[in-house]
PDB file of N, CA and C in Angstrom:
ATOM      1  N   MET A   1       0.838  -1.175  -0.216  1.00  0.00           N
ATOM      2  CA  MET A   1      -0.269  -0.276   0.124  1.00  0.00           C
ATOM      3  C   MET A   1       0.959   0.832   0.329  1.00  0.00           C
ATOM      4  N   THR A   2       0.607   2.167  -0.917  1.00  0.00           N
ATOM      5  CA  THR A   2       1.238   3.287  -0.813  1.00  0.00           C
ATOM      6  C   THR A   2       0.368   4.743  -0.162  1.00  0.00           C
ATOM      7  N   GLU A   3       1.008   5.289   0.370  1.00  0.00           N
ATOM      8  CA  GLU A   3       0.597   6.513   0.927  1.00  0.00           C
ATOM      9  C   GLU A   3       0.589   7.904   0.743  1.00  0.00           C
ATOM     10  N   ILE A   4      -0.350   8.675   0.091  1.00  0.00           N
ATOM     11  CA  ILE A   4       0.392   9.768  -0.681  1.00  0.00           C
ATOM     12  C   ILE A   4       0.019  10.846   0.297  1.00  0.00           C
ATOM     13  N   TYR A   5       0.825  11.553   0.428  1.00  0.00           N
ATOM     14  CA  TYR A   5       0.666  12.764   1.240  1.00  0.00           C
ATOM     15  C   TYR A   5       0.757  14.170   1.134  1.00  0.00           C
ATOM     16  N   ARG A   6      -0.030  14.917   1.217  1.00  0.00           N
ATOM     17  CA  ARG A   6      -0.407  16.398   0.640  1.00  0.00           C
ATOM     18  C   ARG A   6      -0.203  17.255   1.586  1.00  0.00           C
ATOM     19  N   LYS A   7       0.957  18.220   1.519  1.00  0.00           N
ATOM     20  CA  LYS A   7       1.083  19.327   2.058  1.00  0.00           C
ATOM     21  C   LYS A   7      -0.833  20.204   2.605  1.00  0.00           C
ATOM     22  N   GLY A   8      -1.209  20.817   3.123  1.00  0.00           N
ATOM     23  CA  GLY A   8      -2.318  21.531   3.948  1.00  0.00           C
ATOM     24  C   GLY A   8      -1.681  22.695   3.693  1.00  0.00           C
ATOM     25  N   PHE A   9      -2.676  23.730   3.184  1.00  0.00           N
ATOM     26  CA  PHE A   9      -2.460  25.387   2.897  1.00  0.00           C
ATOM     27  C   PHE A   9      -3.833  26.097   3.576  1.00  0.00           C
ATOM     28  N   ASN A  10      -3.563  27.189   3.773  1.00  0.00           N
ATOM     29  CA  ASN A  10      -4.555  27.383   4.571  1.00  0.00           C
ATOM     30  C   ASN A  10      -4.932  28.622   2.900  1.00  0.00           C
ATOM     31  N   GLY A  11      -4.796  27.679   1.873  1.00  0.00           N
ATOM     32  CA  GLY A  11      -6.190  28.866   0.544  1.00  0.00           C
ATOM     33  C   GLY A  11      -6.942  29.016   0.735  1.00  0.00           C
ATOM     34  N   LEU A  12      -7.379  30.086  -0.630  1.00  0.00           N
ATOM     35  CA  LEU A  12      -8.340  30.362  -0.349  1.00  0.00           C
ATOM     36  C   LEU A  12      -9.089  30.874  -2.005  1.00  0.00           C
ATOM     37  N   THR A  13     -10.571  30.658  -2.158  1.00  0.00           N
ATOM     38  CA  THR A  13     -10.442  30.851  -3.675  1.00  0.00           C
ATOM     39  C   THR A  13     -11.987  31.573  -3.412  1.00  0.00           C
ATOM     40  N   LYS A  14     -11.325  32.845  -4.109  1.00  0.00           N
ATOM     41  CA  LYS A  14     -12.567  34.108  -4.161  1.00  0.00           C
ATOM     42  C   LYS A  14     -13.627  34.422  -5.046  1.00  0.00           C
ATOM     43  N   ASP A  15     -13.053  34.088  -6.023  1.00  0.00           N
ATOM     44  CA  ASP A  15     -13.916  33.852  -7.332  1.00  0.00           C
ATOM     45  C   ASP A  15     -13.792  33.027  -8.849  1.00  0.00           C
ATOM     46  N   VAL A  16     -14.798  32.153  -9.316  1.00  0.00           N
ATOM     47  CA  VAL A  16     -14.157  31.364 -10.207  1.00  0.00           C
ATOM     48  C   VAL A  16     -15.307  31.951 -11.389  1.00  0.00           C
ATOM     49  N   ASP A  17     -14.943  32.428 -12.585  1.00  0.00           N
ATOM     50  CA  ASP A  17     -15.491  32.789 -13.573  1.00  0.00           C
ATOM     51  C   ASP A  17     -15.898  31.389 -14.871  1.00  0.00           C
ATOM     52  N   THR A  18     -16.656  30.363 -14.624  1.00  0.00           N
ATOM     53  CA  THR A  18     -16.351  29.674 -15.343  1.00  0.00           C
ATOM     54  C   THR A  18     -16.632  29.541 -16.596  1.00  0.00           C
ATOM     55  N   ALA A  19     -17.332  30.886 -17.307  1.00  0.00           N
ATOM     56  CA  ALA A  19     -17.512  31.555 -19.380  1.00  0.00           C
ATOM     57  C   ALA A  19     -15.961  31.602 -19.703  1.00  0.00           C
ATOM     58  N   GLY A  20     -15.242  32.332 -18.433  1.00  0.00           N
ATOM     59  CA  GLY A  20     -13.933  32.187 -18.908  1.00  0.00           C
ATOM     60  C   GLY A  20     -12.693  32.062 -18.817  1.00  0.00           C
ATOM     61  N   ARG A  21     -13.210  30.759 -17.802  1.00  0.00           N
ATOM     62  CA  ARG A  21     -12.129  29.995 -17.552  1.00  0.00           C
ATOM     63  C   ARG A  21     -11.356  30.562 -16.248  1.00  0.00           C
ATOM     64  N   ILE A  22     -11.708  31.319 -15.973  1.00  0.00           N
ATOM     65  CA  ILE A  22     -10.483  32.189 -14.700  1.00  0.00           C
ATOM     66  C   ILE A  22     -11.059  31.683 -12.945  1.00  0.00           C
ATOM     67  N   VAL A  23      -9.746  31.561 -12.159  1.00  0.00           N
ATOM     68  CA  VAL A  23      -9.918  31.871 -10.796  1.00  0.00           C
ATOM     69  C   VAL A  23      -8.948  31.897 -10.540  1.00  0.00           C
ATOM     70  N   THR A  24      -9.936  32.465  -9.230  1.00  0.00           N
ATOM     71  CA  THR A  24      -9.036  34.599  -8.576  1.00  0.00           C
ATOM     72  C   THR A  24      -9.063  33.765  -7.294  1.00  0.00           C
ATOM     73  N   GLY A  25      -7.708  33.784  -6.532  1.00  0.00           N
ATOM     74  CA  GLY A  25      -7.494  33.516  -5.261  1.00  0.00           C
ATOM     75  C   GLY A  25      -6.315  33.348  -4.410  1.00  0.00           C
ATOM     76  N   TYR A  26      -6.218  32.356  -3.430  1.00  0.00           N
ATOM     77  CA  TYR A  26      -4.970  32.566  -2.948  1.00  0.00           C
ATOM     78  C   TYR A  26      -4.630  31.338  -3.602  1.00  0.00           C
ATOM     79  N   PHE A  27      -2.829  31.090  -3.944  1.00  0.00           N
ATOM     80  CA  PHE A  27      -2.168  29.762  -4.173  1.00  0.00           C
ATOM     81  C   PHE A  27      -1.697  29.710  -2.832  1.00  0.00           C
ATOM     82  N   SER A  28      -1.024  30.651  -1.626  1.00  0.00           N
ATOM     83  CA  SER A  28      -0.365  30.658  -0.527  1.00  0.00           C
ATOM     84  C   SER A  28      -0.268  31.767  -0.236  1.00  0.00           C
ATOM     85  N   THR A  29      -0.966  31.619   1.743  1.00  0.00           N
ATOM     86  CA  THR A  29      -0.906  32.496   2.324  1.00  0.00           C
ATOM     87  C   THR A  29      -0.023  32.700   3.311  1.00  0.00           C
ATOM     88  N   PHE A  30       0.583  34.072   3.672  1.00  0.00           N
ATOM     89  CA  PHE A  30       1.945  34.475   4.382  1.00  0.00           C
ATOM     90  C   PHE A  30       1.367  33.651   6.660  1.00  0.00           C
ATOM     91  N   ASN A  31       2.642  33.472   6.672  1.00  0.00           N
ATOM     92  CA  ASN A  31       2.543  33.108   8.325  1.00  0.00           C
ATOM     93  C   ASN A  31       1.500  32.356   8.825  1.00  0.00           C
ATOM     94  N   PHE A  32       0.917  31.215   7.567  1.00  0.00           N
ATOM     95  CA  PHE A  32       0.723  30.180   8.438  1.00  0.00           C
ATOM     96  C   PHE A  32       1.516  29.182   7.996  1.00  0.00           C
ATOM     97  N   LYS A  33       1.321  28.569   9.491  1.00  0.00           N
ATOM     98  CA  LYS A  33       1.825  27.442  10.180  1.00  0.00           C
ATOM     99  C   LYS A  33       1.073  25.720   9.452  1.00  0.00           C
ATOM    100  N   ASP A  34       2.043  25.216   8.028  1.00  0.00           N
ATOM    101  CA  ASP A  34       1.354  24.143   7.518  1.00  0.00           C
ATOM    102  C   ASP A  34       1.785  22.388   8.270  1.00  0.00           C
ATOM    103  N   SER A  35       0.796  21.598   8.020  1.00  0.00           N
ATOM    104  CA  SER A  35       1.403  20.038   8.384  1.00  0.00           C
ATOM    105  C   SER A  35       2.463  20.103   8.484  1.00  0.00           C
ATOM    106  N   ASP A  36       3.815  20.231   7.898  1.00  0.00           N
ATOM    107  CA  ASP A  36       5.222  20.208   7.761  1.00  0.00           C
ATOM    108  C   ASP A  36       6.135  21.126   9.014  1.00  0.00           C
ATOM    109  N   GLY A  37       5.016  22.174   9.706  1.00  0.00           N
ATOM    110  CA  GLY A  37       5.740  23.771   9.969  1.00  0.00           C
ATOM    111  C   GLY A  37       6.273  24.540   9.150  1.00  0.00           C
ATOM    112  N   ASP A  38       6.490  24.291   8.166  1.00  0.00           N
ATOM    113  CA  ASP A  38       6.598  25.124   6.965  1.00  0.00           C
ATOM    114  C   ASP A  38       5.801  26.541   7.094  1.00  0.00           C
ATOM    115  N   ILE A  39       6.427  28.098   7.249  1.00  0.00           N
ATOM    116  CA  ILE A  39       5.942  29.044   7.206  1.00  0.00           C
ATOM    117  C   ILE A  39       6.216  30.023   5.675  1.00  0.00           C
ATOM    118  N   ILE A  40       5.644  30.591   5.665  1.00  0.00           N
ATOM    119  CA  ILE A  40       6.326  31.390   4.184  1.00  0.00           C
ATOM    120  C   ILE A  40       5.970  32.867   4.454  1.00  0.00           C
ATOM    121  N   LEU A  41       6.530  33.887   4.574  1.00  0.00           N
ATOM    122  CA  LEU A  41       6.658  34.716   4.886  1.00  0.00           C
ATOM    123  C   LEU A  41       6.789  35.505   3.756  1.00  0.00           C
ATOM    124  N   PRO A  42       5.934  37.111   4.044  1.00  0.00           N
ATOM    125  CA  PRO A  42       5.962  38.135   2.743  1.00  0.00           C
ATOM    126  C   PRO A  42       7.035  38.307   1.708  1.00  0.00           C
ATOM    127  N   GLY A  43       6.798  38.413   1.082  1.00  0.00           N
ATOM    128  CA  GLY A  43       8.689  38.543  -0.277  1.00  0.00           C
ATOM    129  C   GLY A  43       9.009  37.005  -0.542  1.00  0.00           C
ATOM    130  N   ALA A  44       8.464  35.952   0.011  1.00  0.00           N
ATOM    131  CA  ALA A  44       8.651  34.815  -0.534  1.00  0.00           C
ATOM    132  C   ALA A  44       8.976  34.572  -1.647  1.00  0.00           C
ATOM    133  N   PHE A  45       8.138  35.737  -2.582  1.00  0.00           N
ATOM    134  CA  PHE A  45       7.626  35.080  -3.782  1.00  0.00           C
ATOM    135  C   PHE A  45       8.007  36.411  -5.415  1.00  0.00           C
ATOM    136  N   LYS A  46       8.664  37.331  -5.001  1.00  0.00           N
ATOM    137  CA  LYS A  46       8.424  38.577  -5.368  1.00  0.00           C
ATOM    138  C   LYS A  46       9.605  37.926  -6.785  1.00  0.00           C
ATOM    139  N   LYS A  47      10.899  38.000  -6.285  1.00  0.00           N
ATOM    140  CA  LYS A  47      11.942  37.178  -7.589  1.00  0.00           C
ATOM    141  C   LYS A  47      11.293  36.661  -8.383  1.00  0.00           C
ATOM    142  N   THR A  48      10.829  35.127  -7.683  1.00  0.00           N
ATOM    143  CA  THR A  48      10.307  33.757  -8.809  1.00  0.00           C
ATOM    144  C   THR A  48       9.167  35.083  -9.656  1.00  0.00           C
ATOM    145  N   ILE A  49       8.224  35.524  -9.537  1.00  0.00           N
ATOM    146  CA  ILE A  49       7.536  36.452  -9.676  1.00  0.00           C
ATOM    147  C   ILE A  49       8.372  37.354 -11.043  1.00  0.00           C
ATOM    148  N   ARG A  50       8.877  38.316 -10.799  1.00  0.00           N
ATOM    149  CA  ARG A  50       9.682  38.974 -11.358  1.00  0.00           C
ATOM    150  C   ARG A  50      10.083  38.214 -12.714  1.00  0.00           C
ATOM    151  N   GLU A  51      10.485  37.329 -12.308  1.00  0.00           N
ATOM    152  CA  GLU A  51      11.861  36.968 -13.153  1.00  0.00           C
ATOM    153  C   GLU A  51      10.936  35.788 -14.061  1.00  0.00           C
ATOM    154  N   ARG A  52      10.119  34.889 -13.581  1.00  0.00           N
ATOM    155  CA  ARG A  52       9.562  33.311 -14.459  1.00  0.00           C
ATOM    156  C   ARG A  52       7.662  33.809 -14.719  1.00  0.00           C
ATOM    157  N   GLY A  53       7.104  35.287 -14.387  1.00  0.00           N
ATOM    158  CA  GLY A  53       5.797  35.277 -14.089  1.00  0.00           C
ATOM    159  C   GLY A  53       5.336  35.509 -14.995  1.00  0.00           C
ATOM    160  N   PRO A  54       4.317  36.286 -15.140  1.00  0.00           N
ATOM    161  CA  PRO A  54       3.344  36.678 -16.378  1.00  0.00           C
ATOM    162  C   PRO A  54       4.085  37.683 -17.421  1.00  0.00           C
ATOM    163  N   LYS A  55       4.872  38.509 -16.191  1.00  0.00           N
ATOM    164  CA  LYS A  55       5.414  39.485 -16.892  1.00  0.00           C
ATOM    165  C   LYS A  55       6.892  39.261 -17.267  1.00  0.00           C
ATOM    166  N   GLY A  56       7.463  38.007 -17.018  1.00  0.00           N
ATOM    167  CA  GLY A  56       9.096  37.411 -17.258  1.00  0.00           C
ATOM    168  C   GLY A  56       9.067  36.693 -18.340  1.00  0.00           C
ATOM    169  N   LYS A  57       9.414  35.391 -18.422  1.00  0.00           N
ATOM    170  CA  LYS A  57      10.051  34.187 -18.639  1.00  0.00           C
ATOM    171  C   LYS A  57       8.583  33.299 -18.901  1.00  0.00           C
ATOM    172  N   LYS A  58       7.509  33.739 -18.131  1.00  0.00           N
ATOM    173  CA  LYS A  58       6.784  32.968 -18.045  1.00  0.00           C
ATOM    174  C   LYS A  58       6.599  31.361 -18.288  1.00  0.00           C
ATOM    175  N   ARG A  59       7.039  30.998 -16.948  1.00  0.00           N
ATOM    176  CA  ARG A  59       7.149  29.993 -16.626  1.00  0.00           C
ATOM    177  C   ARG A  59       7.198  29.383 -15.702  1.00  0.00           C
ATOM    178  N   ILE A  60       5.856  29.946 -15.153  1.00  0.00           N
ATOM    179  CA  ILE A  60       4.776  29.415 -13.848  1.00  0.00           C
ATOM    180  C   ILE A  60       3.527  28.938 -14.085  1.00  0.00           C
ATOM    181  N   PHE A  61       3.748  27.821 -14.060  1.00  0.00           N
ATOM    182  CA  PHE A  61       2.704  26.375 -14.310  1.00  0.00           C
ATOM    183  C   PHE A  61       1.704  26.468 -13.034  1.00  0.00           C
ATOM    184  N   HIS A  62       0.026  26.046 -13.008  1.00  0.00           N
ATOM    185  CA  HIS A  62      -0.100  25.456 -12.345  1.00  0.00           C
ATOM    186  C   HIS A  62      -0.713  24.242 -12.114  1.00  0.00           C
ATOM    187  N   LEU A  63       0.205  23.529 -11.735  1.00  0.00           N
ATOM    188  CA  LEU A  63       0.258  21.722 -11.933  1.00  0.00           C
ATOM    189  C   LEU A  63      -0.718  20.699 -11.107  1.00  0.00           C
ATOM    190  N   TRP A  64      -1.677  20.052 -11.715  1.00  0.00           N
ATOM    191  CA  TRP A  64      -2.659  18.951 -10.189  1.00  0.00           C
ATOM    192  C   TRP A  64      -1.863  18.215 -10.118  1.00  0.00           C
ATOM    193  N   GLN A  65      -1.195  17.817  -7.760  1.00  0.00           N
ATOM    194  CA  GLN A  65      -0.280  17.644  -7.317  1.00  0.00           C
ATOM    195  C   GLN A  65       1.424  17.258  -7.467  1.00  0.00           C
ATOM    196  N   HIS A  66       1.744  18.694  -8.340  1.00  0.00           N
ATOM    197  CA  HIS A  66       2.902  18.760  -8.440  1.00  0.00           C
ATOM    198  C   HIS A  66       3.661  17.885  -9.868  1.00  0.00           C
ATOM    199  N   TYR A  67       2.758  17.592 -10.636  1.00  0.00           N
ATOM    200  CA  TYR A  67       3.196  16.693 -11.814  1.00  0.00           C
ATOM    201  C   TYR A  67       3.271  17.570 -12.888  1.00  0.00           C
ATOM    202  N   SER A  68       4.440  17.437 -13.278  1.00  0.00           N
ATOM    203  CA  SER A  68       4.355  18.304 -14.260  1.00  0.00           C
ATOM    204  C   SER A  68       4.211  17.656 -15.686  1.00  0.00           C
ATOM    205  N   SER A  69       3.295  16.888 -15.529  1.00  0.00           N
ATOM    206  CA  SER A  69       2.509  16.138 -16.554  1.00  0.00           C
ATOM    207  C   SER A  69       1.355  16.725 -16.705  1.00  0.00           C
ATOM    208  N   GLU A  70       0.646  16.885 -15.794  1.00  0.00           N
ATOM    209  CA  GLU A  70      -0.489  17.628 -15.249  1.00  0.00           C
ATOM    210  C   GLU A  70      -0.395  19.060 -15.381  1.00  0.00           C
ATOM    211  N   VAL A  71      -0.545  19.580 -16.069  1.00  0.00           N
ATOM    212  CA  VAL A  71      -0.963  20.804 -16.293  1.00  0.00           C
ATOM    213  C   VAL A  71      -2.442  21.284 -16.006  1.00  0.00           C
ATOM    214  N   ILE A  72      -3.026  22.118 -14.836  1.00  0.00           N
ATOM    215  CA  ILE A  72      -3.681  22.874 -15.098  1.00  0.00           C
ATOM    216  C   ILE A  72      -3.507  24.242 -15.627  1.00  0.00           C
ATOM    217  N   GLY A  73      -2.979  25.169 -15.482  1.00  0.00           N
ATOM    218  CA  GLY A  73      -3.221  26.478 -16.201  1.00  0.00           C
ATOM    219  C   GLY A  73      -1.856  26.929 -16.385  1.00  0.00           C
ATOM    220  N   LYS A  74      -2.329  27.995 -16.282  1.00  0.00           N
ATOM    221  CA  LYS A  74      -1.393  29.064 -16.388  1.00  0.00           C
ATOM    222  C   LYS A  74      -1.650  30.579 -16.265  1.00  0.00           C
ATOM    223  N   PRO A  75      -0.980  30.876 -14.947  1.00  0.00           N
ATOM    224  CA  PRO A  75      -1.832  32.461 -14.309  1.00  0.00           C
ATOM    225  C   PRO A  75      -1.495  33.729 -15.495  1.00  0.00           C
ATOM    226  N   ASN A  76      -2.138  34.239 -15.425  1.00  0.00           N
ATOM    227  CA  ASN A  76      -2.372  35.301 -15.942  1.00  0.00           C
ATOM    228  C   ASN A  76      -1.758  37.102 -15.334  1.00  0.00           C
ATOM    229  N   VAL A  77      -1.524  36.499 -13.744  1.00  0.00           N
ATOM    230  CA  VAL A  77      -1.376  38.023 -12.664  1.00  0.00           C
ATOM    231  C   VAL A  77      -0.906  36.557 -11.464  1.00  0.00           C
ATOM    232  N   LEU A  78       0.256  37.158 -11.089  1.00  0.00           N
ATOM    233  CA  LEU A  78       0.557  36.826  -9.880  1.00  0.00           C
ATOM    234  C   LEU A  78       1.378  37.838  -8.997  1.00  0.00           C
ATOM    235  N   LYS A  79       0.834  38.314  -7.920  1.00  0.00           N
ATOM    236  CA  LYS A  79       1.418  39.291  -7.494  1.00  0.00           C
ATOM    237  C   LYS A  79       0.878  39.069  -5.419  1.00  0.00           C
ATOM    238  N   GLU A  80       1.490  39.703  -4.673  1.00  0.00           N
ATOM    239  CA  GLU A  80       2.035  39.444  -3.429  1.00  0.00           C
ATOM    240  C   GLU A  80       1.076  41.098  -2.785  1.00  0.00           C
ATOM    241  N   ASP A  81      -0.142  40.107  -1.909  1.00  0.00           N
ATOM    242  CA  ASP A  81      -0.734  41.468  -0.966  1.00  0.00           C
ATOM    243  C   ASP A  81       0.183  41.034   0.217  1.00  0.00           C
ATOM    244  N   LYS A  82      -0.686  41.761   1.636  1.00  0.00           N
ATOM    245  CA  LYS A  82      -0.807  41.405   3.090  1.00  0.00           C
ATOM    246  C   LYS A  82      -1.299  40.285   3.125  1.00  0.00           C
ATOM    247  N   THR A  83      -2.022  39.549   2.429  1.00  0.00           N
ATOM    248  CA  THR A  83      -2.098  38.319   2.831  1.00  0.00           C
ATOM    249  C   THR A  83      -2.060  37.350   2.100  1.00  0.00           C
ATOM    250  N   GLY A  84      -1.189  37.585   1.003  1.00  0.00           N
ATOM    251  CA  GLY A  84      -0.104  36.028   0.505  1.00  0.00           C
ATOM    252  C   GLY A  84      -0.172  36.143  -1.259  1.00  0.00           C
ATOM    253  N   LEU A  85       0.035  35.043  -1.725  1.00  0.00           N
ATOM    254  CA  LEU A  85       0.457  35.033  -3.425  1.00  0.00           C
ATOM    255  C   LEU A  85      -0.826  34.350  -3.957  1.00  0.00           C
TER     256      LEU A  85
END
């Protein structure tokens, strides 16, 4: 038997536009202790967003369970605010 472990996080979906196929929400929230004891701090994503995000090399993808063969989508907007990414 193989046990699959998934890390939890305090994410939030704000809006789902089914016609436009756009989901708005948080992929990560700041200052939340996850099941491994990890805490993501504000500013953690800024360099990656700038270099690889929608206005950079466009190399950030939304994957199903971290499988690179299972691309769900590609973000049009990535930004940090006081809540998270």
